[in-house]
PDB file of N, CA and C in Angstrom:
ATOM      1  N   LEU A   1     108.235 143.882  96.617  1.00  0.00           N
ATOM      2  CA  LEU A   1     108.934 144.457  97.403  1.00  0.00           C
ATOM      3  C   LEU A   1     108.913 144.094  98.666  1.00  0.00           C
ATOM      4  N   GLN A   2     109.390 142.341  98.619  1.00  0.00           N
ATOM      5  CA  GLN A   2     109.437 141.874  99.961  1.00  0.00           C
ATOM      6  C   GLN A   2     108.250 141.600 100.676  1.00  0.00           C
ATOM      7  N   GLN A   3     107.114 141.649  99.974  1.00  0.00           N
ATOM      8  CA  GLN A   3     105.769 141.644 100.089  1.00  0.00           C
ATOM      9  C   GLN A   3     104.952 140.507  99.605  1.00  0.00           C
ATOM     10  N   PRO A   4     104.235 139.830 100.207  1.00  0.00           N
ATOM     11  CA  PRO A   4     103.252 138.730  99.683  1.00  0.00           C
ATOM     12  C   PRO A   4     102.546 138.619  98.342  1.00  0.00           C
ATOM     13  N   TYR A   5     102.813 137.717  97.960  1.00  0.00           N
ATOM     14  CA  TYR A   5     101.748 137.670  96.940  1.00  0.00           C
ATOM     15  C   TYR A   5     100.230 138.165  96.629  1.00  0.00           C
ATOM     16  N   ALA A   6     100.059 138.158  96.178  1.00  0.00           N
ATOM     17  CA  ALA A   6      98.021 138.141  96.131  1.00  0.00           C
ATOM     18  C   ALA A   6      97.492 137.424  94.688  1.00  0.00           C
ATOM     19  N   LEU A   7      96.430 137.458  94.869  1.00  0.00           N
ATOM     20  CA  LEU A   7      95.944 136.551  93.326  1.00  0.00           C
ATOM     21  C   LEU A   7      95.804 138.115  92.535  1.00  0.00           C
ATOM     22  N   SER A   8      95.898 139.057  92.989  1.00  0.00           N
ATOM     23  CA  SER A   8      95.233 139.996  92.067  1.00  0.00           C
ATOM     24  C   SER A   8      96.844 140.649  91.229  1.00  0.00           C
ATOM     25  N   ASP A   9      97.675 140.161  91.893  1.00  0.00           N
ATOM     26  CA  ASP A   9      99.102 139.989  90.980  1.00  0.00           C
ATOM     27  C   ASP A   9      99.205 139.422  89.903  1.00  0.00           C
ATOM     28  N   LEU A  10      98.490 138.369  89.725  1.00  0.00           N
ATOM     29  CA  LEU A  10      98.394 137.780  88.458  1.00  0.00           C
ATOM     30  C   LEU A  10      97.756 138.386  87.025  1.00  0.00           C
ATOM     31  N   GLN A  11      96.678 139.503  87.451  1.00  0.00           N
ATOM     32  CA  GLN A  11      95.974 140.047  86.520  1.00  0.00           C
ATOM     33  C   GLN A  11      96.574 140.052  85.341  1.00  0.00           C
ATOM     34  N   TYR A  12      97.314 141.038  85.611  1.00  0.00           N
ATOM     35  CA  TYR A  12      97.761 141.752  84.340  1.00  0.00           C
ATOM     36  C   TYR A  12      99.568 140.570  83.266  1.00  0.00           C
ATOM     37  N   LEU A  13      99.533 139.367  84.361  1.00  0.00           N
ATOM     38  CA  LEU A  13     100.486 139.073  84.367  1.00  0.00           C
ATOM     39  C   LEU A  13     100.207 137.198  83.488  1.00  0.00           C
ATOM     40  N   ASP A  14      98.568 137.251  83.614  1.00  0.00           N
ATOM     41  CA  ASP A  14      98.189 135.764  82.924  1.00  0.00           C
ATOM     42  C   ASP A  14      96.995 136.305  83.176  1.00  0.00           C
ATOM     43  N   GLU A  15      95.710 136.902  82.584  1.00  0.00           N
ATOM     44  CA  GLU A  15      94.432 136.603  82.925  1.00  0.00           C
ATOM     45  C   GLU A  15      94.145 135.684  82.610  1.00  0.00           C
ATOM     46  N   GLU A  16      94.094 134.463  81.987  1.00  0.00           N
ATOM     47  CA  GLU A  16      93.376 133.479  81.809  1.00  0.00           C
ATOM     48  C   GLU A  16      93.505 132.760  83.132  1.00  0.00           C
ATOM     49  N   PHE A  17      95.012 132.457  82.966  1.00  0.00           N
ATOM     50  CA  PHE A  17      95.402 131.770  84.521  1.00  0.00           C
ATOM     51  C   PHE A  17      94.375 132.459  86.241  1.00  0.00           C
ATOM     52  N   TYR A  18      94.670 134.004  85.884  1.00  0.00           N
ATOM     53  CA  TYR A  18      94.063 134.656  87.034  1.00  0.00           C
ATOM     54  C   TYR A  18      92.499 134.477  87.281  1.00  0.00           C
ATOM     55  N   GLN A  19      91.572 133.888  85.808  1.00  0.00           N
ATOM     56  CA  GLN A  19      90.393 133.821  86.130  1.00  0.00           C
ATOM     57  C   GLN A  19      90.199 132.278  86.487  1.00  0.00           C
ATOM     58  N   SER A  20      91.193 131.583  86.120  1.00  0.00           N
ATOM     59  CA  SER A  20      90.780 130.370  86.498  1.00  0.00           C
ATOM     60  C   SER A  20      90.981 129.977  87.778  1.00  0.00           C
ATOM     61  N   LEU A  21      91.642 130.819  88.910  1.00  0.00           N
ATOM     62  CA  LEU A  21      91.808 131.002  90.002  1.00  0.00           C
ATOM     63  C   LEU A  21      90.752 131.702  90.645  1.00  0.00           C
ATOM     64  N   VAL A  22      90.661 132.598  90.077  1.00  0.00           N
ATOM     65  CA  VAL A  22      89.163 133.414  90.824  1.00  0.00           C
ATOM     66  C   VAL A  22      88.023 132.302  90.715  1.00  0.00           C
ATOM     67  N   TRP A  23      87.265 131.606  89.631  1.00  0.00           N
ATOM     68  CA  TRP A  23      86.626 130.660  89.293  1.00  0.00           C
ATOM     69  C   TRP A  23      86.761 129.772  90.643  1.00  0.00           C
ATOM     70  N   ILE A  24      88.051 128.931  90.968  1.00  0.00           N
ATOM     71  CA  ILE A  24      88.582 128.445  92.079  1.00  0.00           C
ATOM     72  C   ILE A  24      87.731 128.897  93.063  1.00  0.00           C
ATOM     73  N   LYS A  25      88.537 129.937  93.314  1.00  0.00           N
ATOM     74  CA  LYS A  25      88.243 130.828  95.232  1.00  0.00           C
ATOM     75  C   LYS A  25      86.370 131.137  94.584  1.00  0.00           C
ATOM     76  N   GLU A  26      85.570 131.535  93.967  1.00  0.00           N
ATOM     77  CA  GLU A  26      84.810 131.571  93.820  1.00  0.00           C
ATOM     78  C   GLU A  26      83.504 130.682  93.919  1.00  0.00           C
ATOM     79  N   ASN A  27      83.897 129.697  93.556  1.00  0.00           N
ATOM     80  CA  ASN A  27      82.878 128.044  93.698  1.00  0.00           C
ATOM     81  C   ASN A  27      82.726 127.111  94.385  1.00  0.00           C
ATOM     82  N   ASP A  28      82.498 126.344  94.462  1.00  0.00           N
ATOM     83  CA  ASP A  28      82.645 125.093  95.411  1.00  0.00           C
ATOM     84  C   ASP A  28      83.259 123.854  94.659  1.00  0.00           C
ATOM     85  N   ILE A  29      84.769 123.816  94.565  1.00  0.00           N
ATOM     86  CA  ILE A  29      85.251 122.745  93.929  1.00  0.00           C
ATOM     87  C   ILE A  29      85.263 121.182  94.060  1.00  0.00           C
ATOM     88  N   THR A  30      84.244 121.157  95.287  1.00  0.00           N
ATOM     89  CA  THR A  30      84.472 119.289  95.676  1.00  0.00           C
ATOM     90  C   THR A  30      83.756 118.336  94.849  1.00  0.00           C
ATOM     91  N   LEU A  31      83.282 118.815  94.323  1.00  0.00           N
ATOM     92  CA  LEU A  31      83.195 117.793  92.652  1.00  0.00           C
ATOM     93  C   LEU A  31      83.212 117.684  91.401  1.00  0.00           C
ATOM     94  N   SER A  32      84.264 119.236  91.259  1.00  0.00           N
ATOM     95  CA  SER A  32      83.918 119.196  89.670  1.00  0.00           C
ATOM     96  C   SER A  32      85.293 119.350  89.091  1.00  0.00           C
ATOM     97  N   LEU A  33      86.529 119.293  90.179  1.00  0.00           N
ATOM     98  CA  LEU A  33      87.719 118.939  89.974  1.00  0.00           C
ATOM     99  C   LEU A  33      88.535 118.492  90.909  1.00  0.00           C
ATOM    100  N   ASP A  34      89.317 117.476  90.102  1.00  0.00           N
ATOM    101  CA  ASP A  34      90.492 116.777  90.598  1.00  0.00           C
ATOM    102  C   ASP A  34      92.067 117.760  90.994  1.00  0.00           C
ATOM    103  N   LEU A  35      92.294 118.291  91.712  1.00  0.00           N
ATOM    104  CA  LEU A  35      93.559 119.211  91.661  1.00  0.00           C
ATOM    105  C   LEU A  35      94.362 118.650  93.320  1.00  0.00           C
ATOM    106  N   THR A  36      95.673 118.505  92.705  1.00  0.00           N
ATOM    107  CA  THR A  36      96.383 118.529  93.757  1.00  0.00           C
ATOM    108  C   THR A  36      97.762 119.359  93.816  1.00  0.00           C
ATOM    109  N   PHE A  37      98.360 119.622  94.961  1.00  0.00           N
ATOM    110  CA  PHE A  37      99.265 120.556  95.028  1.00  0.00           C
ATOM    111  C   PHE A  37     100.419 120.120  94.187  1.00  0.00           C
ATOM    112  N   THR A  38     100.532 120.370  93.085  1.00  0.00           N
ATOM    113  CA  THR A  38     101.638 120.066  92.239  1.00  0.00           C
ATOM    114  C   THR A  38     101.231 120.966  91.248  1.00  0.00           C
ATOM    115  N   VAL A  39     101.854 121.303  90.447  1.00  0.00           N
ATOM    116  CA  VAL A  39     101.839 122.148  89.008  1.00  0.00           C
ATOM    117  C   VAL A  39     102.711 121.222  87.775  1.00  0.00           C
ATOM    118  N   THR A  40     102.436 121.294  86.385  1.00  0.00           N
ATOM    119  CA  THR A  40     103.290 120.451  85.570  1.00  0.00           C
ATOM    120  C   THR A  40     104.010 121.844  84.685  1.00  0.00           C
ATOM    121  N   GLU A  41     105.120 121.509  85.086  1.00  0.00           N
ATOM    122  CA  GLU A  41     106.003 122.803  84.015  1.00  0.00           C
ATOM    123  C   GLU A  41     107.174 121.770  83.463  1.00  0.00           C
ATOM    124  N   GLU A  42     107.428 122.628  82.078  1.00  0.00           N
ATOM    125  CA  GLU A  42     108.658 122.300  81.174  1.00  0.00           C
ATOM    126  C   GLU A  42     109.727 123.069  81.334  1.00  0.00           C
ATOM    127  N   VAL A  43     110.513 121.905  81.631  1.00  0.00           N
ATOM    128  CA  VAL A  43     112.195 122.149  81.954  1.00  0.00           C
ATOM    129  C   VAL A  43     113.300 121.650  80.781  1.00  0.00           C
ATOM    130  N   PHE A  44     113.954 122.438  80.207  1.00  0.00           N
ATOM    131  CA  PHE A  44     114.648 122.050  79.400  1.00  0.00           C
ATOM    132  C   PHE A  44     114.077 121.209  78.112  1.00  0.00           C
ATOM    133  N   GLY A  45     112.792 121.421  78.430  1.00  0.00           N
ATOM    134  CA  GLY A  45     111.572 120.880  76.631  1.00  0.00           C
ATOM    135  C   GLY A  45     111.338 119.496  77.391  1.00  0.00           C
ATOM    136  N   GLU A  46     111.377 119.243  78.710  1.00  0.00           N
ATOM    137  CA  GLU A  46     110.459 117.976  79.151  1.00  0.00           C
ATOM    138  C   GLU A  46     109.489 118.388  80.281  1.00  0.00           C
ATOM    139  N   LEU A  47     109.004 117.746  80.208  1.00  0.00           N
ATOM    140  CA  LEU A  47     107.598 117.879  81.560  1.00  0.00           C
ATOM    141  C   LEU A  47     107.849 117.236  82.492  1.00  0.00           C
ATOM    142  N   THR A  48     107.764 118.062  83.392  1.00  0.00           N
ATOM    143  CA  THR A  48     108.038 117.618  84.997  1.00  0.00           C
ATOM    144  C   THR A  48     107.048 118.650  86.085  1.00  0.00           C
ATOM    145  N   GLU A  49     106.619 117.459  86.855  1.00  0.00           N
ATOM    146  CA  GLU A  49     105.983 117.746  87.657  1.00  0.00           C
ATOM    147  C   GLU A  49     106.204 118.294  89.002  1.00  0.00           C
ATOM    148  N   ARG A  50     106.071 119.246  89.630  1.00  0.00           N
ATOM    149  CA  ARG A  50     106.610 119.491  90.924  1.00  0.00           C
ATOM    150  C   ARG A  50     105.459 120.063  91.766  1.00  0.00           C
ATOM    151  N   GLU A  51     105.916 119.642  93.452  1.00  0.00           N
ATOM    152  CA  GLU A  51     105.310 119.547  94.457  1.00  0.00           C
ATOM    153  C   GLU A  51     105.300 121.643  94.760  1.00  0.00           C
ATOM    154  N   LEU A  52     103.719 121.896  94.641  1.00  0.00           N
ATOM    155  CA  LEU A  52     103.795 122.931  95.506  1.00  0.00           C
ATOM    156  C   LEU A  52     104.002 123.140  97.601  1.00  0.00           C
ATOM    157  N   LYS A  53     104.175 121.679  97.737  1.00  0.00           N
ATOM    158  CA  LYS A  53     104.365 121.958  99.340  1.00  0.00           C
ATOM    159  C   LYS A  53     104.512 120.277  99.391  1.00  0.00           C
ATOM    160  N   THR A  54     105.556 120.314 100.439  1.00  0.00           N
ATOM    161  CA  THR A  54     106.359 118.420 100.952  1.00  0.00           C
ATOM    162  C   THR A  54     104.768 117.812 100.695  1.00  0.00           C
ATOM    163  N   ASP A  55     104.916 116.925  99.894  1.00  0.00           N
ATOM    164  CA  ASP A  55     104.207 115.620  99.628  1.00  0.00           C
ATOM    165  C   ASP A  55     102.897 115.944  98.727  1.00  0.00           C
ATOM    166  N   GLY A  56     103.010 117.225  97.820  1.00  0.00           N
ATOM    167  CA  GLY A  56     101.487 117.805  97.080  1.00  0.00           C
ATOM    168  C   GLY A  56     100.887 116.875  96.427  1.00  0.00           C
ATOM    169  N   LYS A  57     101.744 115.800  95.740  1.00  0.00           N
ATOM    170  CA  LYS A  57     101.090 114.903  94.531  1.00  0.00           C
ATOM    171  C   LYS A  57      99.916 114.119  95.227  1.00  0.00           C
ATOM    172  N   ASN A  58     100.095 113.974  96.733  1.00  0.00           N
ATOM    173  CA  ASN A  58      99.079 112.984  97.687  1.00  0.00           C
ATOM    174  C   ASN A  58      98.206 113.852  98.295  1.00  0.00           C
ATOM    175  N   CYS A  59      98.077 115.362  98.046  1.00  0.00           N
ATOM    176  CA  CYS A  59      97.598 116.310  98.806  1.00  0.00           C
ATOM    177  C   CYS A  59      96.234 116.712  97.829  1.00  0.00           C
ATOM    178  N   GLN A  60      95.316 116.393  98.000  1.00  0.00           N
ATOM    179  CA  GLN A  60      93.995 116.890  96.737  1.00  0.00           C
ATOM    180  C   GLN A  60      93.330 118.021  97.272  1.00  0.00           C
ATOM    181  N   VAL A  61      93.301 118.839  96.839  1.00  0.00           N
ATOM    182  CA  VAL A  61      92.323 120.846  96.910  1.00  0.00           C
ATOM    183  C   VAL A  61      91.494 120.273  97.674  1.00  0.00           C
ATOM    184  N   THR A  62      90.727 121.052  98.238  1.00  0.00           N
ATOM    185  CA  THR A  62      89.629 120.724  98.979  1.00  0.00           C
ATOM    186  C   THR A  62      88.853 121.890  99.353  1.00  0.00           C
ATOM    187  N   GLU A  63      87.641 122.087  99.549  1.00  0.00           N
ATOM    188  CA  GLU A  63      86.951 123.603 100.127  1.00  0.00           C
ATOM    189  C   GLU A  63      87.773 124.164 101.329  1.00  0.00           C
ATOM    190  N   THR A  64      88.401 123.460 101.814  1.00  0.00           N
ATOM    191  CA  THR A  64      89.298 124.056 103.568  1.00  0.00           C
ATOM    192  C   THR A  64      90.494 123.847 103.032  1.00  0.00           C
ATOM    193  N   ASN A  65      91.716 123.695 102.072  1.00  0.00           N
ATOM    194  CA  ASN A  65      92.664 124.082 101.273  1.00  0.00           C
ATOM    195  C   ASN A  65      92.665 125.161 100.350  1.00  0.00           C
ATOM    196  N   LYS A  66      92.046 125.358  99.671  1.00  0.00           N
ATOM    197  CA  LYS A  66      91.780 125.931  98.503  1.00  0.00           C
ATOM    198  C   LYS A  66      92.670 127.290  98.792  1.00  0.00           C
ATOM    199  N   LYS A  67      92.620 127.623  99.646  1.00  0.00           N
ATOM    200  CA  LYS A  67      92.866 129.104  99.797  1.00  0.00           C
ATOM    201  C   LYS A  67      94.792 129.071 100.120  1.00  0.00           C
ATOM    202  N   GLU A  68      94.915 127.866 100.130  1.00  0.00           N
ATOM    203  CA  GLU A  68      96.137 127.886 100.409  1.00  0.00           C
ATOM    204  C   GLU A  68      97.103 127.311  99.244  1.00  0.00           C
ATOM    205  N   TYR A  69      95.994 126.560  98.404  1.00  0.00           N
ATOM    206  CA  TYR A  69      96.597 125.845  97.029  1.00  0.00           C
ATOM    207  C   TYR A  69      96.376 127.339  96.349  1.00  0.00           C
ATOM    208  N   ILE A  70      95.373 127.857  96.175  1.00  0.00           N
ATOM    209  CA  ILE A  70      95.688 129.218  95.601  1.00  0.00           C
ATOM    210  C   ILE A  70      97.351 130.501  95.775  1.00  0.00           C
ATOM    211  N   GLU A  71      97.330 130.476  97.150  1.00  0.00           N
ATOM    212  CA  GLU A  71      98.487 131.078  97.631  1.00  0.00           C
ATOM    213  C   GLU A  71      99.993 130.498  97.273  1.00  0.00           C
ATOM    214  N   LEU A  72      99.546 129.089  96.903  1.00  0.00           N
ATOM    215  CA  LEU A  72     101.172 128.562  96.430  1.00  0.00           C
ATOM    216  C   LEU A  72     101.305 128.448  95.222  1.00  0.00           C
ATOM    217  N   ILE A  73     100.275 128.498  94.442  1.00  0.00           N
ATOM    218  CA  ILE A  73     100.146 128.660  92.475  1.00  0.00           C
ATOM    219  C   ILE A  73     100.374 130.137  91.859  1.00  0.00           C
ATOM    220  N   THR A  74     100.002 130.867  93.269  1.00  0.00           N
ATOM    221  CA  THR A  74     100.289 132.545  92.554  1.00  0.00           C
ATOM    222  C   THR A  74     101.500 132.505  92.655  1.00  0.00           C
ATOM    223  N   LYS A  75     101.840 132.142  93.707  1.00  0.00           N
ATOM    224  CA  LYS A  75     103.303 132.217  94.210  1.00  0.00           C
ATOM    225  C   LYS A  75     104.314 131.466  92.938  1.00  0.00           C
ATOM    226  N   TRP A  76     104.076 130.311  92.964  1.00  0.00           N
ATOM    227  CA  TRP A  76     104.851 129.693  91.648  1.00  0.00           C
ATOM    228  C   TRP A  76     104.576 130.479  90.031  1.00  0.00           C
ATOM    229  N   ARG A  77     103.873 130.539  89.897  1.00  0.00           N
ATOM    230  CA  ARG A  77     103.275 131.183  88.582  1.00  0.00           C
ATOM    231  C   ARG A  77     104.339 132.885  88.525  1.00  0.00           C
ATOM    232  N   ILE A  78     104.047 133.664  89.609  1.00  0.00           N
ATOM    233  CA  ILE A  78     104.832 135.045  89.633  1.00  0.00           C
ATOM    234  C   ILE A  78     106.403 134.667  89.973  1.00  0.00           C
ATOM    235  N   GLU A  79     106.743 133.945  90.373  1.00  0.00           N
ATOM    236  CA  GLU A  79     108.447 133.516  90.730  1.00  0.00           C
ATOM    237  C   GLU A  79     109.055 132.200  89.617  1.00  0.00           C
ATOM    238  N   ARG A  80     108.096 131.739  88.275  1.00  0.00           N
ATOM    239  CA  ARG A  80     108.834 130.330  87.510  1.00  0.00           C
ATOM    240  C   ARG A  80     109.792 131.315  87.000  1.00  0.00           C
ATOM    241  N   GLY A  81     111.049 130.389  86.865  1.00  0.00           N
ATOM    242  CA  GLY A  81     111.921 131.224  86.206  1.00  0.00           C
ATOM    243  C   GLY A  81     112.601 132.436  86.653  1.00  0.00           C
ATOM    244  N   ILE A  82     112.188 133.267  87.874  1.00  0.00           N
ATOM    245  CA  ILE A  82     112.542 134.805  87.673  1.00  0.00           C
ATOM    246  C   ILE A  82     113.267 134.770  89.044  1.00  0.00           C
ATOM    247  N   VAL A  83     113.269 133.834  90.096  1.00  0.00           N
ATOM    248  CA  VAL A  83     113.643 133.894  91.079  1.00  0.00           C
ATOM    249  C   VAL A  83     115.004 135.172  91.742  1.00  0.00           C
ATOM    250  N   GLU A  84     115.697 134.224  90.772  1.00  0.00           N
ATOM    251  CA  GLU A  84     117.033 134.846  90.845  1.00  0.00           C
ATOM    252  C   GLU A  84     117.385 136.383  90.677  1.00  0.00           C
ATOM    253  N   GLN A  85     116.565 136.469  89.563  1.00  0.00           N
ATOM    254  CA  GLN A  85     116.702 137.847  89.057  1.00  0.00           C
ATOM    255  C   GLN A  85     115.778 138.782  89.651  1.00  0.00           C
ATOM    256  N   THR A  86     114.752 138.509  90.167  1.00  0.00           N
ATOM    257  CA  THR A  86     114.070 139.332  91.580  1.00  0.00           C
ATOM    258  C   THR A  86     114.546 139.792  91.937  1.00  0.00           C
ATOM    259  N   GLN A  87     115.240 138.421  93.400  1.00  0.00           N
ATOM    260  CA  GLN A  87     115.989 138.688  94.458  1.00  0.00           C
ATOM    261  C   GLN A  87     117.474 139.747  93.988  1.00  0.00           C
ATOM    262  N   SER A  88     117.744 139.529  92.868  1.00  0.00           N
ATOM    263  CA  SER A  88     119.228 140.885  92.858  1.00  0.00           C
ATOM    264  C   SER A  88     118.414 142.255  92.272  1.00  0.00           C
ATOM    265  N   LEU A  89     117.788 142.285  91.779  1.00  0.00           N
ATOM    266  CA  LEU A  89     116.779 143.459  91.704  1.00  0.00           C
ATOM    267  C   LEU A  89     116.543 143.893  93.112  1.00  0.00           C
ATOM    268  N   VAL A  90     115.858 143.084  94.261  1.00  0.00           N
ATOM    269  CA  VAL A  90     115.020 143.867  94.874  1.00  0.00           C
ATOM    270  C   VAL A  90     116.316 144.353  96.107  1.00  0.00           C
ATOM    271  N   ARG A  91     117.538 143.523  95.879  1.00  0.00           N
ATOM    272  CA  ARG A  91     118.879 143.453  96.883  1.00  0.00           C
ATOM    273  C   ARG A  91     119.713 144.923  96.540  1.00  0.00           C
ATOM    274  N   GLY A  92     119.608 144.819  95.082  1.00  0.00           N
ATOM    275  CA  GLY A  92     119.700 146.347  94.298  1.00  0.00           C
ATOM    276  C   GLY A  92     119.336 147.224  94.641  1.00  0.00           C
ATOM    277  N   PHE A  93     118.237 147.571  94.549  1.00  0.00           N
ATOM    278  CA  PHE A  93     117.019 148.483  94.814  1.00  0.00           C
ATOM    279  C   PHE A  93     117.488 149.123  96.144  1.00  0.00           C
ATOM    280  N   PHE A  94     117.982 148.108  96.989  1.00  0.00           N
ATOM    281  CA  PHE A  94     117.059 148.248  98.515  1.00  0.00           C
ATOM    282  C   PHE A  94     118.949 148.873  99.009  1.00  0.00           C
ATOM    283  N   GLU A  95     119.742 148.946  97.993  1.00  0.00           N
ATOM    284  CA  GLU A  95     121.136 149.745  98.094  1.00  0.00           C
ATOM    285  C   GLU A  95     121.287 151.029  98.460  1.00  0.00           C
ATOM    286  N   ILE A  96     120.402 150.990  97.293  1.00  0.00           N
ATOM    287  CA  ILE A  96     119.831 152.587  97.088  1.00  0.00           C
ATOM    288  C   ILE A  96     119.029 153.236  97.596  1.00  0.00           C
ATOM    289  N   VAL A  97     118.143 152.446  97.710  1.00  0.00           N
ATOM    290  CA  VAL A  97     116.891 153.525  98.681  1.00  0.00           C
ATOM    291  C   VAL A  97     116.726 152.134 100.333  1.00  0.00           C
ATOM    292  N   ASP A  98     116.059 153.022 101.187  1.00  0.00           N
ATOM    293  CA  ASP A  98     116.243 152.786 102.266  1.00  0.00           C
ATOM    294  C   ASP A  98     115.176 151.913 102.920  1.00  0.00           C
ATOM    295  N   SER A  99     115.029 150.725 103.126  1.00  0.00           N
ATOM    296  CA  SER A  99     113.756 149.873 102.961  1.00  0.00           C
ATOM    297  C   SER A  99     112.548 150.659 103.893  1.00  0.00           C
ATOM    298  N   ARG A 100     112.757 151.409 104.974  1.00  0.00           N
ATOM    299  CA  ARG A 100     112.186 151.861 105.748  1.00  0.00           C
ATOM    300  C   ARG A 100     111.373 153.219 104.993  1.00  0.00           C
ATOM    301  N   PHE A 101     111.539 153.596 103.895  1.00  0.00           N
ATOM    302  CA  PHE A 101     111.552 154.427 102.827  1.00  0.00           C
ATOM    303  C   PHE A 101     110.165 153.967 101.904  1.00  0.00           C
ATOM    304  N   VAL A 102     110.649 153.446 101.794  1.00  0.00           N
ATOM    305  CA  VAL A 102     109.764 152.136 101.100  1.00  0.00           C
ATOM    306  C   VAL A 102     108.805 151.301 101.705  1.00  0.00           C
ATOM    307  N   SER A 103     108.731 150.917 102.789  1.00  0.00           N
ATOM    308  CA  SER A 103     108.093 150.080 103.237  1.00  0.00           C
ATOM    309  C   SER A 103     106.429 150.868 103.894  1.00  0.00           C
ATOM    310  N   VAL A 104     106.463 152.440 103.529  1.00  0.00           N
ATOM    311  CA  VAL A 104     104.881 152.739 103.719  1.00  0.00           C
ATOM    312  C   VAL A 104     103.965 152.976 102.156  1.00  0.00           C
ATOM    313  N   PHE A 105     104.523 152.599 101.102  1.00  0.00           N
ATOM    314  CA  PHE A 105     103.991 152.217  99.951  1.00  0.00           C
ATOM    315  C   PHE A 105     103.361 151.369 100.342  1.00  0.00           C
ATOM    316  N   ASP A 106     101.915 151.111  99.319  1.00  0.00           N
ATOM    317  CA  ASP A 106     101.625 149.590  98.390  1.00  0.00           C
ATOM    318  C   ASP A 106     102.079 149.212  97.382  1.00  0.00           C
ATOM    319  N   ALA A 107     101.733 148.233  96.672  1.00  0.00           N
ATOM    320  CA  ALA A 107     102.414 148.127  95.538  1.00  0.00           C
ATOM    321  C   ALA A 107     102.096 148.807  94.211  1.00  0.00           C
ATOM    322  N   ARG A 108     100.631 149.280  94.615  1.00  0.00           N
ATOM    323  CA  ARG A 108     100.205 150.402  93.557  1.00  0.00           C
ATOM    324  C   ARG A 108     100.630 151.880  93.426  1.00  0.00           C
ATOM    325  N   GLU A 109     101.013 152.646  94.835  1.00  0.00           N
ATOM    326  CA  GLU A 109     101.461 153.446  95.158  1.00  0.00           C
ATOM    327  C   GLU A 109     102.791 153.261  94.514  1.00  0.00           C
ATOM    328  N   LEU A 110     103.574 152.197  94.541  1.00  0.00           N
ATOM    329  CA  LEU A 110     105.305 152.024  93.805  1.00  0.00           C
ATOM    330  C   LEU A 110     105.444 151.701  92.384  1.00  0.00           C
ATOM    331  N   GLU A 111     104.104 151.477  92.370  1.00  0.00           N
ATOM    332  CA  GLU A 111     103.789 151.054  90.398  1.00  0.00           C
ATOM    333  C   GLU A 111     104.332 152.118  89.851  1.00  0.00           C
TER     334      GLU A 111
END
């Protein structure tokens, strides 16, 4: 609820995707991966490339920027296809529950 996403949020959503990102986080990717700040997703049956940030297709993922890549791709994976629904749910939740009462809890406690 209005908290930044963490890599661990993916663990139960998509274990294989989560493990891949953990590997990237814990290993030197300098010579092993050829990643850019893009993802390929299926939209109405067609594969399209989506940039995770401005000019992402021309930005290589390196040791120095892999933390940013992990944050952006985690956000994309969690939000893909559900942004509007999630925003509506959160707005409705905060119409019923004052956000000051919720802000003292972390995600695990709210679960």
